[in-house]
Protein backbone atom coordinates (compact mmCIF):
# COMPACT_ATOMS: atom_id res chain seq x y z
CA MET A 1 -5.40 -8.69 -19.97
CA ASN A 2 -8.87 -10.12 -19.60
CA GLU A 3 -7.64 -13.03 -17.05
CA PHE A 4 -5.90 -9.96 -14.83
CA LEU A 5 -9.23 -7.73 -14.65
CA GLN A 6 -11.11 -10.92 -13.63
CA PHE A 7 -8.66 -11.97 -11.30
CA LEU A 8 -8.98 -7.87 -9.62
CA ASN A 9 -12.53 -8.96 -9.47
CA GLU A 10 -11.92 -11.91 -6.86
CA PRO A 11 -11.79 -10.90 -2.92
CA LEU A 12 -8.30 -12.93 -2.70
CA ALA A 13 -6.75 -9.96 -5.27
CA GLN A 14 -8.76 -7.67 -3.53
CA ARG A 15 -7.18 -7.91 -0.31
CA SER A 16 -3.93 -8.81 -0.70
CA LEU A 17 -3.61 -5.50 -2.95
CA TRP A 18 -5.00 -3.59 0.15
CA ALA A 19 -2.66 -5.33 2.50
CA CYS A 20 0.57 -4.42 -0.24
CA GLY A 21 -0.44 -0.66 0.62
CA VAL A 22 -0.56 -1.02 3.90
CA ILE A 23 2.47 -3.35 4.66
CA GLY A 24 4.74 -0.97 2.45
CA PHE A 25 3.33 1.61 4.22
CA SER A 26 3.62 1.08 7.32
CA ASN A 27 7.45 -0.45 7.04
CA GLY A 28 8.19 2.68 4.69
CA PHE A 29 7.36 4.91 7.48
CA VAL A 30 9.40 2.37 10.21
CA SER A 31 12.26 2.37 7.61
CA ALA A 32 13.39 6.21 8.03
CA LEU A 33 14.05 4.93 11.94
CA VAL A 34 16.53 1.96 10.28
CA VAL A 35 18.38 4.72 8.48
CA LEU A 36 18.56 7.41 11.08
CA ARG A 37 19.54 4.95 13.14
CA ARG A 38 21.90 2.97 10.88
CA SER A 39 21.45 -0.37 11.84
CA ALA A 40 20.26 -1.33 8.31
CA LEU A 41 22.87 -4.57 8.72
CA GLN A 42 21.44 -5.74 12.20
CA ILE A 43 17.90 -5.38 11.19
CA GLY A 44 18.74 -7.58 8.32
CA THR A 45 20.26 -10.20 10.60
CA LEU A 46 17.42 -9.92 12.77
CA SER A 47 14.92 -10.81 10.65
CA CYS A 48 16.85 -14.38 9.64
CA ALA A 49 16.79 -14.48 13.76
CA LEU A 50 12.76 -14.78 13.86
CA LEU A 51 12.87 -18.25 12.10
CA PRO A 52 14.37 -20.55 14.91
CA GLY A 53 11.85 -19.05 17.28
CA ILE A 54 9.15 -20.06 14.74
CA ALA A 55 10.33 -23.42 14.56
CA LEU A 56 10.91 -23.91 18.54
CA ALA A 57 7.37 -22.47 19.01
CA ILE A 58 5.83 -24.97 16.57
CA LEU A 59 8.14 -28.25 18.24
CA LEU A 60 6.64 -26.76 21.46
CA PHE A 61 2.91 -25.74 20.77
CA GLY A 62 1.92 -27.18 17.29
CA LEU A 63 1.58 -24.34 14.50
CA PHE A 64 -0.92 -21.90 15.74
CA GLN A 65 -0.47 -18.32 14.89
CA LEU A 66 -0.47 -16.74 18.13
CA SER A 67 2.72 -18.92 19.24
CA ILE A 68 4.45 -18.65 15.97
CA LEU A 69 4.15 -14.68 16.31
CA LEU A 70 5.63 -15.04 20.13
CA GLY A 71 8.66 -17.55 19.04
CA ALA A 72 9.64 -14.99 16.56
CA VAL A 73 9.37 -11.90 18.74
CA LEU A 74 11.43 -13.83 21.22
CA ALA A 75 13.75 -15.22 19.13
CA GLY A 76 14.30 -11.73 17.29
CA LEU A 77 14.80 -10.34 20.91
CA MET A 78 17.11 -12.84 22.59
CA VAL A 79 19.22 -13.13 19.56
CA GLY A 80 19.80 -9.35 19.68
CA LEU A 81 20.25 -8.85 23.39
CA GLY A 82 22.07 -11.96 23.41
CA SER A 83 24.58 -10.45 21.08
CA LEU A 84 24.94 -7.38 23.14
CA PHE A 85 25.57 -9.36 26.03
CA VAL A 86 28.35 -11.62 24.63
CA SER A 87 30.17 -8.67 23.09
CA ARG A 88 29.89 -6.51 26.59
CA THR A 89 31.33 -9.50 28.51
CA SER A 90 34.18 -10.41 25.81
CA ARG A 91 36.30 -9.51 23.50
CA MET A 92 33.80 -10.00 20.58
CA GLU A 93 32.56 -6.81 18.45
CA HIS A 94 28.78 -6.55 18.38
CA ASP A 95 28.56 -7.10 14.73
CA THR A 96 30.78 -10.69 14.82
CA ALA A 97 28.88 -11.97 17.81
CA LEU A 98 25.33 -11.22 16.30
CA SER A 99 26.53 -12.62 13.08
CA VAL A 100 27.58 -15.94 14.93
CA LEU A 101 24.62 -16.24 16.84
CA HIS A 102 21.62 -15.66 13.78
CA THR A 103 23.65 -17.66 11.97
CA THR A 104 23.68 -20.56 13.95
CA ALA A 105 19.97 -20.12 15.23
CA PHE A 106 19.12 -19.55 11.85
CA ALA A 107 20.62 -22.87 11.13
CA LEU A 108 19.16 -24.92 13.65
CA GLY A 109 15.71 -23.32 13.57
CA TYR A 110 15.75 -24.64 9.82
CA ILE A 111 16.83 -27.77 10.55
CA ILE A 112 13.51 -28.29 12.92
CA LEU A 113 10.83 -26.87 10.47
CA ILE A 114 12.91 -29.23 7.99
CA THR A 115 12.33 -32.48 10.13
CA LEU A 116 8.74 -31.29 10.91
CA GLY A 117 7.89 -31.69 7.50
CA LEU A 118 7.23 -27.97 6.75
CA GLN A 119 9.26 -27.56 3.58
CA GLN A 120 6.31 -25.23 1.79
CA LYS A 121 5.90 -23.44 5.20
CA VAL A 122 9.42 -22.51 4.93
CA ASP A 123 9.36 -21.30 1.79
CA ASP A 124 6.97 -18.59 2.83
CA TRP A 125 8.60 -17.98 5.90
CA LEU A 126 11.79 -17.03 4.11
CA PHE A 127 10.63 -15.52 0.60
CA GLY A 128 6.59 -14.72 2.10
CA ASN A 129 3.87 -14.99 0.34
CA ILE A 130 0.69 -12.07 0.74
CA MET A 131 -1.57 -14.18 -0.84
CA SER A 132 -1.95 -16.95 1.74
CA MET A 133 -1.62 -14.22 5.11
CA GLY A 134 -4.71 -15.30 6.53
CA ASP A 135 -7.40 -12.88 8.06
CA THR A 136 -5.38 -13.03 11.67
CA ASP A 137 -1.53 -12.15 9.41
CA LEU A 138 -3.69 -9.48 8.07
CA TRP A 139 -4.70 -7.98 11.59
CA ILE A 140 -1.58 -8.42 13.15
CA ALA A 141 0.41 -6.32 10.34
CA TYR A 142 -2.78 -3.80 9.87
CA ILE A 143 -2.73 -3.31 13.77
CA THR A 144 1.30 -3.61 14.06
CA GLY A 145 1.64 -0.88 11.19
CA ALA A 146 -0.91 1.33 13.06
CA LEU A 147 0.99 1.18 16.42
CA ALA A 148 4.61 2.03 14.86
CA VAL A 149 2.84 4.71 12.59
CA LEU A 150 0.81 6.84 15.71
CA SER A 151 3.41 6.56 17.93
CA ILE A 152 6.44 7.06 15.62
CA THR A 153 4.68 10.41 14.44
CA ALA A 154 3.35 11.29 18.35
CA LEU A 155 6.89 10.49 19.92
CA GLN A 156 8.94 11.93 17.00
CA ARG A 157 10.59 15.57 17.90
CA PRO A 158 11.92 13.33 21.02
CA LEU A 159 12.90 10.36 18.51
CA LEU A 160 14.71 12.64 16.33
CA ILE A 161 16.87 13.84 18.79
CA THR A 162 17.38 11.07 20.29
CA LEU A 163 18.43 9.51 17.05
CA PHE A 164 20.81 13.01 16.07
CA ASP A 165 22.31 13.86 19.45
CA PRO A 166 21.99 11.29 22.55
CA ARG A 167 24.14 13.43 25.24
CA ALA A 168 21.58 16.61 24.29
CA ALA A 169 18.51 14.25 24.37
CA ALA A 170 19.58 13.48 28.13
CA THR A 171 20.35 16.71 29.29
CA MET A 172 16.24 17.87 27.99
CA GLY A 173 15.03 15.22 30.00
CA ILE A 174 14.36 12.58 27.71
CA PRO A 175 14.63 8.86 28.31
CA THR A 176 17.00 8.05 25.95
CA ARG A 177 17.73 4.34 27.10
CA VAL A 178 13.84 3.97 27.15
CA PHE A 179 13.63 5.27 23.95
CA ASN A 180 16.28 3.44 22.22
CA TYR A 181 15.16 -0.07 23.53
CA GLY A 182 11.94 1.23 22.28
CA ILE A 183 12.66 1.22 18.80
CA PHE A 184 14.26 -1.63 18.63
CA ALA A 185 11.37 -3.57 19.88
CA LEU A 186 9.29 -1.59 17.46
CA LEU A 187 11.18 -3.04 14.57
CA ILE A 188 11.38 -6.25 15.76
CA LEU A 189 7.40 -6.32 16.01
CA VAL A 190 7.14 -4.57 12.23
CA LEU A 191 9.80 -7.97 11.20
CA VAL A 192 7.38 -9.74 12.96
CA SER A 193 4.03 -8.41 11.20
CA SER A 194 5.46 -8.48 7.74
CA LEU A 195 7.39 -12.02 7.66
CA GLN A 196 4.48 -13.15 6.23
CA ALA A 197 4.39 -11.44 2.91
CA VAL A 198 7.66 -10.86 2.21
CA GLY A 199 9.79 -13.01 4.58
CA ALA A 200 12.74 -13.29 6.06
CA PHE A 201 14.73 -12.93 3.48
CA LEU A 202 13.12 -9.73 1.94
CA THR A 203 11.51 -7.99 4.68
CA LEU A 204 14.71 -6.03 5.30
CA GLY A 205 14.64 -4.24 2.03
CA LEU A 206 10.84 -3.52 2.88
CA LEU A 207 12.35 -2.28 5.65
CA VAL A 208 15.37 0.32 4.46
CA ALA A 209 15.14 1.01 0.79
CA PRO A 210 12.13 3.41 1.26
CA ALA A 211 13.24 6.13 3.98
CA ALA A 212 16.65 5.25 2.00
CA THR A 213 15.30 6.59 -0.91
CA MET A 214 14.13 9.52 0.03
CA TYR A 215 17.42 10.25 1.76
CA LEU A 216 18.60 10.91 -1.58
CA LEU A 217 16.08 13.53 -2.24
CA THR A 218 15.74 15.57 1.39
CA ASP A 219 17.70 16.78 3.72
CA ARG A 220 14.37 16.88 6.05
CA ALA A 221 14.90 14.29 8.33
CA SER A 222 10.81 14.27 9.19
CA TRP A 223 9.96 13.58 5.55
CA LEU A 224 11.78 10.67 5.62
CA PHE A 225 9.02 8.97 7.53
CA TRP A 226 5.72 10.06 5.49
CA GLY A 227 8.10 10.30 1.89
CA GLY A 228 9.35 6.31 2.86
CA GLY A 229 5.45 5.72 3.90
CA LEU A 230 4.41 6.87 0.58
CA ILE A 231 7.13 5.17 -1.53
CA GLY A 232 6.87 1.85 0.15
CA GLY A 233 3.12 2.01 -0.01
CA LEU A 234 3.06 3.01 -3.30
CA GLY A 235 6.21 0.56 -4.40
CA ALA A 236 4.32 -2.25 -3.19
CA ILE A 237 1.08 -1.76 -4.51
CA CYS A 238 2.56 -0.82 -8.28
CA ALA A 239 4.46 -4.82 -7.83
CA PHE A 240 1.25 -6.24 -7.12
CA PHE A 241 -0.11 -4.83 -10.71
CA LEU A 242 3.46 -5.89 -12.36
CA SER A 243 3.70 -9.05 -10.31
CA TYR A 244 0.69 -11.14 -12.21
CA PRO A 245 1.12 -10.06 -15.85
CA LEU A 246 4.92 -11.04 -15.83
CA GLY A 247 4.11 -14.63 -13.10
CA TRP A 248 6.26 -12.83 -10.65
CA HIS A 249 6.72 -13.83 -6.85
CA LEU A 250 5.09 -11.06 -5.31
CA GLY A 251 6.84 -10.41 -2.39
CA ALA A 252 10.19 -10.45 -4.76
CA THR A 253 8.25 -8.31 -6.92
CA ILE A 254 7.94 -5.58 -4.23
CA ILE A 255 11.50 -5.16 -3.54
CA VAL A 256 12.73 -4.89 -7.25
CA VAL A 257 10.43 -2.01 -7.23
CA LEU A 258 11.81 -0.07 -4.26
CA GLY A 259 15.42 -1.31 -5.45
CA SER A 260 14.77 0.43 -9.09
CA LEU A 261 13.16 3.27 -6.83
CA PHE A 262 16.30 3.44 -5.32
CA LEU A 263 19.04 3.42 -8.22
CA LEU A 264 16.11 6.19 -9.80
CA ALA A 265 17.31 8.63 -6.78
CA TYR A 266 20.62 7.29 -6.66
CA LEU A 267 21.26 8.42 -10.61
CA PHE A 268 18.67 11.47 -10.98
CA SER A 269 18.46 12.95 -7.83
CA PRO A 270 18.67 16.39 -8.17
CA LYS A 271 20.73 17.60 -5.03
CA TYR A 272 22.75 13.84 -4.92
CA GLY A 273 21.97 12.19 -7.48
CA LEU A 274 25.04 10.43 -9.25
CA LEU A 275 24.57 12.41 -12.21
CA ARG A 276 24.63 15.73 -10.89
CA LEU A 277 27.80 14.99 -8.70
CA CYS A 278 29.25 13.74 -12.06
CA ARG A 279 28.59 16.92 -13.93
CA LYS A 280 30.30 19.09 -11.22
């Protein structure tokens, strides 16, 4: 216990704790968009598609934070939009095209990074390492999170109308196509900003579980945003205090905690919990 208290007094621990709260809240807030759009699997495939962009950026420009960020964003956009183009110009379903493109791109990116001798970095990008986040990583995560929360809050009403009834939104003069592309771009940015924290494999949990938990607790769509943010932030902070004494990987512990909260809501939700449905 004394060792843990000494660890909490270190600047690295305090920075990591702050990062857990901010990144957890912003991802939880944005997770409402993923749940309402019913696009969890699509976001999951895109999260793994970020790795080849990182690999190509390092291969072409070296190990620089800005090039890595831009490479990951471009890779996510290219795989997402490329799969849409393939599905519209062939008989292939969008999900099928997305699966083929993202796995191929992921494999190629992995080969490039291993060839460059970046095994340790690969592990960080796949599974995350909040403790190793530099000042640039943290500022990117903070600014992206603030941008996401502020823009969604300001445009929440037209966003919800677009998500629930695109035709009605179009008749009201809401630019639905712009909103859809904007949501997609925002999700990509949040994915990239969280990559160093929880990694490509685990970021999907952070972008789905908080709002999915709230979805079992409320019928009000607007509550998914702030409720998801609180669950994401508090869950990540709770994981921080659990991971060190248990010796667990912090990024994985965050997802385990959020998954456990989802399971509790699934079982004990006052309105939609499994135990309540079984008693009817």
